C-alpha atoms as a PDB file:
ATOM      1  CA  MET A   1       9.136  19.010  -2.992  1.00  0.00           C
ATOM      2  CA  LYS A   2       5.352  18.278  -4.068  1.00  0.00           C
ATOM      3  CA  ILE A   3       4.319  15.318  -2.218  1.00  0.00           C
ATOM      4  CA  ILE A   4       1.123  13.339  -3.708  1.00  0.00           C
ATOM      5  CA  GLY A   5      -0.917  10.771  -2.165  1.00  0.00           C
ATOM      6  CA  VAL A   6      -2.743   8.204  -4.585  1.00  0.00           C
ATOM      7  CA  ILE A   7      -4.912   5.730  -3.596  1.00  0.00           C
ATOM      8  CA  PRO A   8      -5.298   2.844  -6.292  1.00  0.00           C
ATOM      9  CA  ALA A   9      -8.796   1.259  -6.407  1.00  0.00           C
ATOM     10  CA  ARG A  10      -9.818  -1.482  -9.003  1.00  0.00           C
ATOM     11  CA  TYR A  11     -13.318  -2.845  -8.902  1.00  0.00           C
ATOM     12  CA  GLN A  12     -12.004  -6.435  -9.909  1.00  0.00           C
ATOM     13  CA  SER A  13     -10.607  -8.547  -7.376  1.00  0.00           C
ATOM     14  CA  SER A  14     -10.154 -12.247  -7.220  1.00  0.00           C
ATOM     15  CA  ARG A  15     -10.921 -12.758  -3.595  1.00  0.00           C
ATOM     16  CA  PHE A  16     -13.314  -9.800  -3.040  1.00  0.00           C
ATOM     17  CA  PRO A  17     -14.881  -8.138  -6.299  1.00  0.00           C
ATOM     18  CA  GLY A  18     -16.111  -4.637  -5.779  1.00  0.00           C
ATOM     19  CA  LYS A  19     -14.303  -4.225  -2.427  1.00  0.00           C
ATOM     20  CA  PRO A  20     -13.412  -0.369  -2.661  1.00  0.00           C
ATOM     21  CA  LEU A  21     -17.350   0.026  -2.549  1.00  0.00           C
ATOM     22  CA  ALA A  22     -17.802  -2.267   0.253  1.00  0.00           C
ATOM     23  CA  ASP A  23     -20.307  -0.660   2.893  1.00  0.00           C
ATOM     24  CA  ILE A  24     -18.374   0.182   6.175  1.00  0.00           C
ATOM     25  CA  CYS A  25     -20.760   1.984   8.782  1.00  0.00           C
ATOM     26  CA  GLY A  26     -22.754   3.471   5.908  1.00  0.00           C
ATOM     27  CA  LYS A  27     -19.784   4.704   3.607  1.00  0.00           C
ATOM     28  CA  PRO A  28     -17.959   2.855   0.921  1.00  0.00           C
ATOM     29  CA  MET A  29     -14.633   1.524   2.128  1.00  0.00           C
ATOM     30  CA  ILE A  30     -12.691   3.765  -0.229  1.00  0.00           C
ATOM     31  CA  TRP A  31     -14.206   6.986   1.750  1.00  0.00           C
ATOM     32  CA  TRP A  32     -12.653   5.746   4.770  1.00  0.00           C
ATOM     33  CA  VAL A  33      -9.142   5.350   3.420  1.00  0.00           C
ATOM     34  CA  TYR A  34      -9.492   8.744   1.519  1.00  0.00           C
ATOM     35  CA  GLN A  35     -10.574  10.461   4.858  1.00  0.00           C
ATOM     36  CA  GLN A  36      -7.338   9.072   6.719  1.00  0.00           C
ATOM     37  CA  ALA A  37      -5.154  10.191   3.830  1.00  0.00           C
ATOM     38  CA  LYS A  38      -6.520  13.752   3.856  1.00  0.00           C
ATOM     39  CA  LYS A  39      -5.546  13.986   7.368  1.00  0.00           C
ATOM     40  CA  VAL A  40      -1.868  13.924   6.393  1.00  0.00           C
ATOM     41  CA  ASN A  41      -0.736  17.646   6.283  1.00  0.00           C
ATOM     42  CA  GLU A  42       2.260  16.759   4.245  1.00  0.00           C
ATOM     43  CA  PHE A  43       0.136  15.918   1.265  1.00  0.00           C
ATOM     44  CA  ASP A  44      -0.199  18.601  -1.319  1.00  0.00           C
ATOM     45  CA  GLU A  45      -3.062  16.675  -3.050  1.00  0.00           C
ATOM     46  CA  VAL A  46      -4.710  13.238  -2.793  1.00  0.00           C
ATOM     47  CA  TYR A  47      -6.295  11.322  -5.846  1.00  0.00           C
ATOM     48  CA  ILE A  48      -7.938   8.047  -6.065  1.00  0.00           C
ATOM     49  CA  ALA A  49      -6.894   6.225  -9.074  1.00  0.00           C
ATOM     50  CA  THR A  50      -9.457   3.701 -10.761  1.00  0.00           C
ATOM     51  CA  ASP A  51     -10.398   2.114 -13.821  1.00  0.00           C
ATOM     52  CA  ASP A  52     -14.022   1.686 -13.052  1.00  0.00           C
ATOM     53  CA  THR A  53     -16.855   3.997 -13.468  1.00  0.00           C
ATOM     54  CA  ARG A  54     -18.696   2.731 -10.426  1.00  0.00           C
ATOM     55  CA  ILE A  55     -15.768   3.733  -8.367  1.00  0.00           C
ATOM     56  CA  GLU A  56     -15.475   7.031 -10.183  1.00  0.00           C
ATOM     57  CA  ASN A  57     -19.211   7.847  -9.653  1.00  0.00           C
ATOM     58  CA  ALA A  58     -18.819   6.946  -5.946  1.00  0.00           C
ATOM     59  CA  CYS A  59     -15.960   9.306  -5.910  1.00  0.00           C
ATOM     60  CA  ARG A  60     -17.862  12.135  -7.253  1.00  0.00           C
ATOM     61  CA  GLU A  61     -20.769  11.580  -4.981  1.00  0.00           C
ATOM     62  CA  TYR A  62     -18.529  11.923  -1.813  1.00  0.00           C
ATOM     63  CA  ASN A  63     -16.446  14.700  -3.373  1.00  0.00           C
ATOM     64  CA  MET A  64     -13.114  12.612  -3.508  1.00  0.00           C
ATOM     65  CA  THR A  65     -10.582  13.648  -6.180  1.00  0.00           C
ATOM     66  CA  VAL A  66     -10.327  10.923  -8.625  1.00  0.00           C
ATOM     67  CA  VAL A  67      -8.175  10.146 -11.724  1.00  0.00           C
ATOM     68  CA  MET A  68      -9.323   7.672 -14.226  1.00  0.00           C
ATOM     69  CA  THR A  69      -6.551   5.294 -15.475  1.00  0.00           C
ATOM     70  CA  ASP A  70      -6.116   2.234 -17.870  1.00  0.00           C
ATOM     71  CA  LYS A  71      -7.796  -1.095 -17.392  1.00  0.00           C
ATOM     72  CA  ASN A  72      -4.640  -2.963 -18.112  1.00  0.00           C
ATOM     73  CA  HIS A  73      -2.303  -2.278 -15.274  1.00  0.00           C
ATOM     74  CA  ALA A  74      -0.869  -5.171 -13.853  1.00  0.00           C
ATOM     75  CA  THR A  75      -0.262  -3.586 -10.493  1.00  0.00           C
ATOM     76  CA  GLY A  76      -1.132  -0.687  -8.197  1.00  0.00           C
ATOM     77  CA  THR A  77       2.202   0.890  -8.712  1.00  0.00           C
ATOM     78  CA  ASP A  78       1.881   0.669 -12.457  1.00  0.00           C
ATOM     79  CA  ARG A  79      -1.424   2.551 -12.037  1.00  0.00           C
ATOM     80  CA  VAL A  80       0.055   5.204  -9.895  1.00  0.00           C
ATOM     81  CA  SER A  81       2.892   5.499 -12.536  1.00  0.00           C
ATOM     82  CA  GLU A  82       0.281   6.711 -15.104  1.00  0.00           C
ATOM     83  CA  VAL A  83      -1.290   9.169 -12.355  1.00  0.00           C
ATOM     84  CA  ALA A  84       2.312  10.557 -12.269  1.00  0.00           C
ATOM     85  CA  ASP A  85       1.970  11.280 -15.935  1.00  0.00           C
ATOM     86  CA  LYS A  86      -1.074  13.386 -15.441  1.00  0.00           C
ATOM     87  CA  VAL A  87      -0.252  14.907 -11.889  1.00  0.00           C
ATOM     88  CA  SER A  88       2.838  16.962 -11.237  1.00  0.00           C
ATOM     89  CA  GLY A  89       4.631  15.830  -8.041  1.00  0.00           C
ATOM     90  CA  ASP A  90       8.033  14.930  -6.834  1.00  0.00           C
ATOM     91  CA  ILE A  91       7.175  12.079  -4.290  1.00  0.00           C
ATOM     92  CA  PHE A  92       4.128   9.769  -4.571  1.00  0.00           C
ATOM     93  CA  ILE A  93       2.659   8.116  -1.526  1.00  0.00           C
ATOM     94  CA  ILE A  94       0.711   4.983  -2.386  1.00  0.00           C
ATOM     95  CA  VAL A  95      -1.933   4.174   0.130  1.00  0.00           C
ATOM     96  CA  GLN A  96      -3.757   0.985  -0.658  1.00  0.00           C
ATOM     97  CA  GLY A  97      -7.307   1.329  -1.210  1.00  0.00           C
ATOM     98  CA  ASP A  98      -8.163  -1.546   1.054  1.00  0.00           C
ATOM     99  CA  GLU A  99      -6.537  -0.045   4.354  1.00  0.00           C
ATOM    100  CA  PRO A 100      -9.422   1.967   6.090  1.00  0.00           C
ATOM    101  CA  LEU A 101      -7.986   1.817   9.263  1.00  0.00           C
ATOM    102  CA  ILE A 102      -4.277   3.245   8.153  1.00  0.00           C
ATOM    103  CA  GLN A 103      -3.058   5.752  10.739  1.00  0.00           C
ATOM    104  CA  PRO A 104      -2.135   9.089   9.294  1.00  0.00           C
ATOM    105  CA  LEU A 105       0.873   9.214  11.743  1.00  0.00           C
ATOM    106  CA  ASP A 106       2.133   6.051  10.017  1.00  0.00           C
ATOM    107  CA  ILE A 107       1.795   7.741   6.588  1.00  0.00           C
ATOM    108  CA  GLN A 108       3.799  10.861   7.823  1.00  0.00           C
ATOM    109  CA  LYS A 109       6.337   8.651   9.197  1.00  0.00           C
ATOM    110  CA  LEU A 110       6.925   7.212   5.866  1.00  0.00           C
ATOM    111  CA  ILE A 111       7.057  10.485   4.431  1.00  0.00           C
ATOM    112  CA  HIS A 112       9.702  11.532   6.632  1.00  0.00           C
ATOM    113  CA  ALA A 113      11.505   8.359   5.906  1.00  0.00           C
ATOM    114  CA  ILE A 114      11.675   8.882   2.300  1.00  0.00           C
ATOM    115  CA  LEU A 115      12.776  12.467   2.596  1.00  0.00           C
ATOM    116  CA  SER A 116      15.594  11.308   4.716  1.00  0.00           C
ATOM    117  CA  HIS A 117      16.687   8.617   2.459  1.00  0.00           C
ATOM    118  CA  PRO A 118      17.066  10.277  -1.101  1.00  0.00           C
ATOM    119  CA  GLU A 119      19.202   7.708  -2.202  1.00  0.00           C
ATOM    120  CA  ALA A 120      16.416   5.090  -1.921  1.00  0.00           C
ATOM    121  CA  ASP A 121      14.299   4.044  -4.957  1.00  0.00           C
ATOM    122  CA  ALA A 122      11.314   3.363  -2.499  1.00  0.00           C
ATOM    123  CA  VAL A 123      10.697   3.514   0.987  1.00  0.00           C
ATOM    124  CA  ILE A 124       8.018   0.900   2.608  1.00  0.00           C
ATOM    125  CA  PRO A 125       6.742   0.539   6.320  1.00  0.00           C
ATOM    126  CA  MET A 126       6.987  -2.657   8.164  1.00  0.00           C
ATOM    127  CA  LEU A 127       5.549  -4.014  11.374  1.00  0.00           C
ATOM    128  CA  PRO A 128       6.631  -7.068  13.637  1.00  0.00           C
ATOM    129  CA  ILE A 129       4.141  -9.790  12.894  1.00  0.00           C
ATOM    130  CA  ASN A 130       2.235 -10.465  16.154  1.00  0.00           C
ATOM    131  CA  ILE A 131      -0.539 -12.442  14.904  1.00  0.00           C
ATOM    132  CA  GLY A 132       0.216 -16.092  14.167  1.00  0.00           C
ATOM    133  CA  ALA A 133      -2.178 -16.412  11.139  1.00  0.00           C
ATOM    134  CA  ASP A 134      -0.047 -13.787   9.577  1.00  0.00           C
ATOM    135  CA  VAL A 135       3.000 -16.063   9.551  1.00  0.00           C
ATOM    136  CA  ILE A 136       1.284 -18.355   7.004  1.00  0.00           C
ATOM    137  CA  SER A 137      -1.112 -16.052   5.190  1.00  0.00           C
ATOM    138  CA  ASN A 138      -0.157 -15.657   1.608  1.00  0.00           C
ATOM    139  CA  THR A 139      -1.909 -12.378   1.750  1.00  0.00           C
ATOM    140  CA  VAL A 140       0.515 -11.012   3.843  1.00  0.00           C
ATOM    141  CA  GLY A 141       4.041 -10.005   2.454  1.00  0.00           C
ATOM    142  CA  LYS A 142       6.987 -11.105   4.826  1.00  0.00           C
ATOM    143  CA  LEU A 143      10.285  -9.066   4.686  1.00  0.00           C
ATOM    144  CA  ALA A 144      13.931 -10.263   4.811  1.00  0.00           C
ATOM    145  CA  VAL A 145      15.969  -7.000   5.700  1.00  0.00           C
ATOM    146  CA  ASN A 146      19.505  -6.237   6.006  1.00  0.00           C
ATOM    147  CA  GLU A 147      21.226  -4.377   8.904  1.00  0.00           C
ATOM    148  CA  CYS A 148      20.844  -0.952   7.087  1.00  0.00           C
ATOM    149  CA  GLY A 149      17.123  -1.619   7.020  1.00  0.00           C
ATOM    150  CA  GLU A 150      16.962  -2.508   3.271  1.00  0.00           C
ATOM    151  CA  VAL A 151      14.894  -4.997   1.792  1.00  0.00           C
ATOM    152  CA  ILE A 152      16.658  -8.120   0.309  1.00  0.00           C
ATOM    153  CA  PHE A 153      13.681  -9.970  -0.508  1.00  0.00           C
ATOM    154  CA  ILE A 154       9.833 -10.113   0.009  1.00  0.00           C
ATOM    155  CA  SER A 155       7.910 -13.101   0.029  1.00  0.00           C
ATOM    156  CA  ARG A 156       4.367 -14.698   0.860  1.00  0.00           C
ATOM    157  CA  SER A 157       5.937 -17.495   2.626  1.00  0.00           C
ATOM    158  CA  PRO A 158       7.628 -16.981   6.283  1.00  0.00           C
ATOM    159  CA  ILE A 159      11.072 -15.433   5.782  1.00  0.00           C
ATOM    160  CA  PRO A 160      13.685 -15.800   7.185  1.00  0.00           C
ATOM    161  CA  TYR A 161      13.574 -19.407   7.850  1.00  0.00           C
ATOM    162  CA  PRO A 162      14.755 -20.145  11.720  1.00  0.00           C
ATOM    163  CA  LYS A 163      17.237 -23.037  10.723  1.00  0.00           C
ATOM    164  CA  GLY A 164      20.183 -21.547  12.461  1.00  0.00           C
ATOM    165  CA  MET A 165      18.617 -19.584  15.186  1.00  0.00           C
ATOM    166  CA  ILE A 166      15.184 -18.682  17.006  1.00  0.00           C
ATOM    167  CA  GLY A 167      14.055 -15.792  18.722  1.00  0.00           C
ATOM    168  CA  TYR A 168      14.114 -13.071  16.224  1.00  0.00           C
ATOM    169  CA  ASP A 169      11.146 -11.111  14.939  1.00  0.00           C
ATOM    170  CA  LEU A 170       9.373 -11.604  11.558  1.00  0.00           C
ATOM    171  CA  TYR A 171       8.134  -8.561   9.654  1.00  0.00           C
ATOM    172  CA  LYS A 172       5.592  -7.721   7.446  1.00  0.00           C
ATOM    173  CA  HIS A 173       5.101  -5.055   4.977  1.00  0.00           C
ATOM    174  CA  VAL A 174       1.951  -2.721   5.609  1.00  0.00           C
ATOM    175  CA  GLY A 175      -0.197  -1.440   2.468  1.00  0.00           C
ATOM    176  CA  LEU A 176       1.831   1.672   2.023  1.00  0.00           C
ATOM    177  CA  TYR A 177       4.637   2.668  -0.626  1.00  0.00           C
ATOM    178  CA  ALA A 178       6.651   5.921  -0.989  1.00  0.00           C
ATOM    179  CA  TYR A 179       8.271   6.469  -4.354  1.00  0.00           C
ATOM    180  CA  PRO A 180      10.181   9.374  -5.970  1.00  0.00           C
ATOM    181  CA  ARG A 181       8.922  10.179  -9.436  1.00  0.00           C
ATOM    182  CA  LYS A 182      12.091   8.502 -11.250  1.00  0.00           C
ATOM    183  CA  THR A 183      11.117   5.042  -9.673  1.00  0.00           C
ATOM    184  CA  LEU A 184       7.530   5.398 -11.190  1.00  0.00           C
ATOM    185  CA  LYS A 185       9.013   6.016 -14.587  1.00  0.00           C
ATOM    186  CA  PHE A 186      11.115   2.945 -14.002  1.00  0.00           C
ATOM    187  CA  TYR A 187       7.969   0.744 -13.636  1.00  0.00           C
ATOM    188  CA  GLN A 188       6.795   2.059 -16.948  1.00  0.00           C
ATOM    189  CA  ASN A 189       9.821   1.130 -18.669  1.00  0.00           C
ATOM    190  CA  THR A 190      10.620  -2.235 -17.002  1.00  0.00           C
ATOM    191  CA  ARG A 191       8.529  -5.362 -17.599  1.00  0.00           C
ATOM    192  CA  ARG A 192       7.728  -7.700 -14.780  1.00  0.00           C
ATOM    193  CA  GLY A 193      10.314 -10.150 -13.832  1.00  0.00           C
ATOM    194  CA  ARG A 194      10.298 -14.017 -13.146  1.00  0.00           C
ATOM    195  CA  LEU A 195      10.244 -13.424  -9.406  1.00  0.00           C
ATOM    196  CA  GLU A 196       7.604 -10.755  -9.533  1.00  0.00           C
ATOM    197  CA  LEU A 197       5.455 -13.070 -11.293  1.00  0.00           C
ATOM    198  CA  ILE A 198       5.926 -15.956  -9.032  1.00  0.00           C
ATOM    199  CA  GLU A 199       5.422 -14.072  -5.825  1.00  0.00           C
ATOM    200  CA  ASP A 200       2.931 -11.622  -7.489  1.00  0.00           C
ATOM    201  CA  ASN A 201       4.315  -8.654  -5.618  1.00  0.00           C
ATOM    202  CA  GLU A 202       5.382  -5.584  -7.542  1.00  0.00           C
ATOM    203  CA  MET A 203       8.197  -4.607  -5.199  1.00  0.00           C
ATOM    204  CA  MET A 204      10.128  -7.680  -6.493  1.00  0.00           C
ATOM    205  CA  ARG A 205      10.587  -5.604  -9.661  1.00  0.00           C
ATOM    206  CA  LEU A 206      12.941  -3.559  -7.927  1.00  0.00           C
ATOM    207  CA  ILE A 207      14.764  -6.077  -5.849  1.00  0.00           C
ATOM    208  CA  GLU A 208      15.396  -7.935  -9.218  1.00  0.00           C
ATOM    209  CA  ASN A 209      16.883  -4.731 -10.784  1.00  0.00           C
ATOM    210  CA  HIS A 210      19.114  -3.949  -7.758  1.00  0.00           C
ATOM    211  CA  LYS A 211      17.118  -1.021  -6.713  1.00  0.00           C
ATOM    212  CA  ILE A 212      17.249   0.095  -2.865  1.00  0.00           C
ATOM    213  CA  ILE A 213      14.136  -0.414  -1.005  1.00  0.00           C
ATOM    214  CA  GLN A 214      14.462   1.358   2.377  1.00  0.00           C
ATOM    215  CA  THR A 215      12.305   0.248   5.381  1.00  0.00           C
ATOM    216  CA  VAL A 216      10.655   2.147   8.366  1.00  0.00           C
ATOM    217  CA  VAL A 217       9.146   0.701  11.361  1.00  0.00           C
ATOM    218  CA  ILE A 218       5.773   2.071  11.957  1.00  0.00           C
ATOM    219  CA  ASP A 219       3.819   1.757  15.199  1.00  0.00           C
ATOM    220  CA  ASN A 220       0.158   0.817  14.508  1.00  0.00           C
ATOM    221  CA  GLU A 221      -1.479  -2.521  13.250  1.00  0.00           C
ATOM    222  CA  SER A 222      -4.009  -2.193  10.527  1.00  0.00           C
ATOM    223  CA  ILE A 223      -6.229  -4.424   8.874  1.00  0.00           C
ATOM    224  CA  ALA A 224      -6.085  -4.891   5.121  1.00  0.00           C
ATOM    225  CA  VAL A 225      -9.776  -5.903   3.515  1.00  0.00           C
ATOM    226  CA  ASP A 226      -8.842  -9.032   1.383  1.00  0.00           C
ATOM    227  CA  THR A 227     -11.729 -11.073   2.312  1.00  0.00           C
ATOM    228  CA  GLU A 228     -15.395 -10.395   3.528  1.00  0.00           C
ATOM    229  CA  GLN A 229     -14.204 -11.870   6.781  1.00  0.00           C
ATOM    230  CA  ASP A 230     -11.650  -9.013   6.856  1.00  0.00           C
ATOM    231  CA  LEU A 231     -14.466  -6.620   6.375  1.00  0.00           C
ATOM    232  CA  LYS A 232     -16.389  -7.758   9.281  1.00  0.00           C
ATOM    233  CA  ARG A 233     -13.326  -7.470  11.442  1.00  0.00           C
ATOM    234  CA  VAL A 234     -12.855  -3.833  10.283  1.00  0.00           C
ATOM    235  CA  ILE A 235     -16.442  -2.861  10.997  1.00  0.00           C
ATOM    236  CA  GLU A 236     -16.189  -4.563  14.464  1.00  0.00           C
ATOM    237  CA  TYR A 237     -13.130  -2.581  15.248  1.00  0.00           C
ATOM    238  CA  MET A 238     -14.844   0.640  14.176  1.00  0.00           C
ATOM    239  CA  ASN A 239     -17.856  -0.170  16.353  1.00  0.00           C
ATOM    240  CA  THR A 240     -15.960  -1.071  19.350  1.00  0.00           C
ATOM    241  CA  ASN A 241     -13.527   1.947  19.245  1.00  0.00           C
ATOM    242  CA  ASN A 242     -15.988   4.404  18.208  1.00  0.00           C
ATOM    243  CA  SER A 243     -14.199   5.377  15.295  1.00  0.00           C
ATOM    244  CA  ASN A 244     -17.131   4.927  12.736  1.00  0.00           C
ATOM    245  CA  LYS A 245     -18.194   8.611  12.454  1.00  0.00           C
END
């Protein structure tokens, strides 16, 4: 069972152009993500997947393995599906390129979960929402999950809505995805559906086509860098916790 880690990184971003190269304590953000992924012993190989020569050049400068991909991919999963055409592997783990604080133990937990659920078309991690701002943030994907831990719906809105009861946990998706190769082939051959376009979330392509998305609860809060303010929070965290070396 060959397990491949892939970090999609595109230069163009509506909220934060060029963020994979944003400076964090003297290194580009993508370097920090790559270092965290390389700590995962289960990975046979780790690649950065990009469509921009500026990111490619940074990868070469810092000795990070990079794969160039098409500029026209709609989502990170579509980009990784091209990588799966170029790299042999059975399981592909996507580590979002804007997660410099992602913990290797959480990546390992995701890997063990997909190996334990061969029936799943994807496995994603989730965390209870402990920060009030995350409830209303449209950059945070909230999850509605059944009793088997399978995803029923993903939304940028707060779900489920507390009409009938209160006192339950809200969960959010963290920037990791685990896919068997067959699911990446499915992405290549399936166009984006109405709900995926509305929510702008690639996991909806699986939900709209009755695929199984299993979840696993992870332990560590991360900070996704969607804005320059998020970047400042990451730098402050690293400086405070002496994790900037």
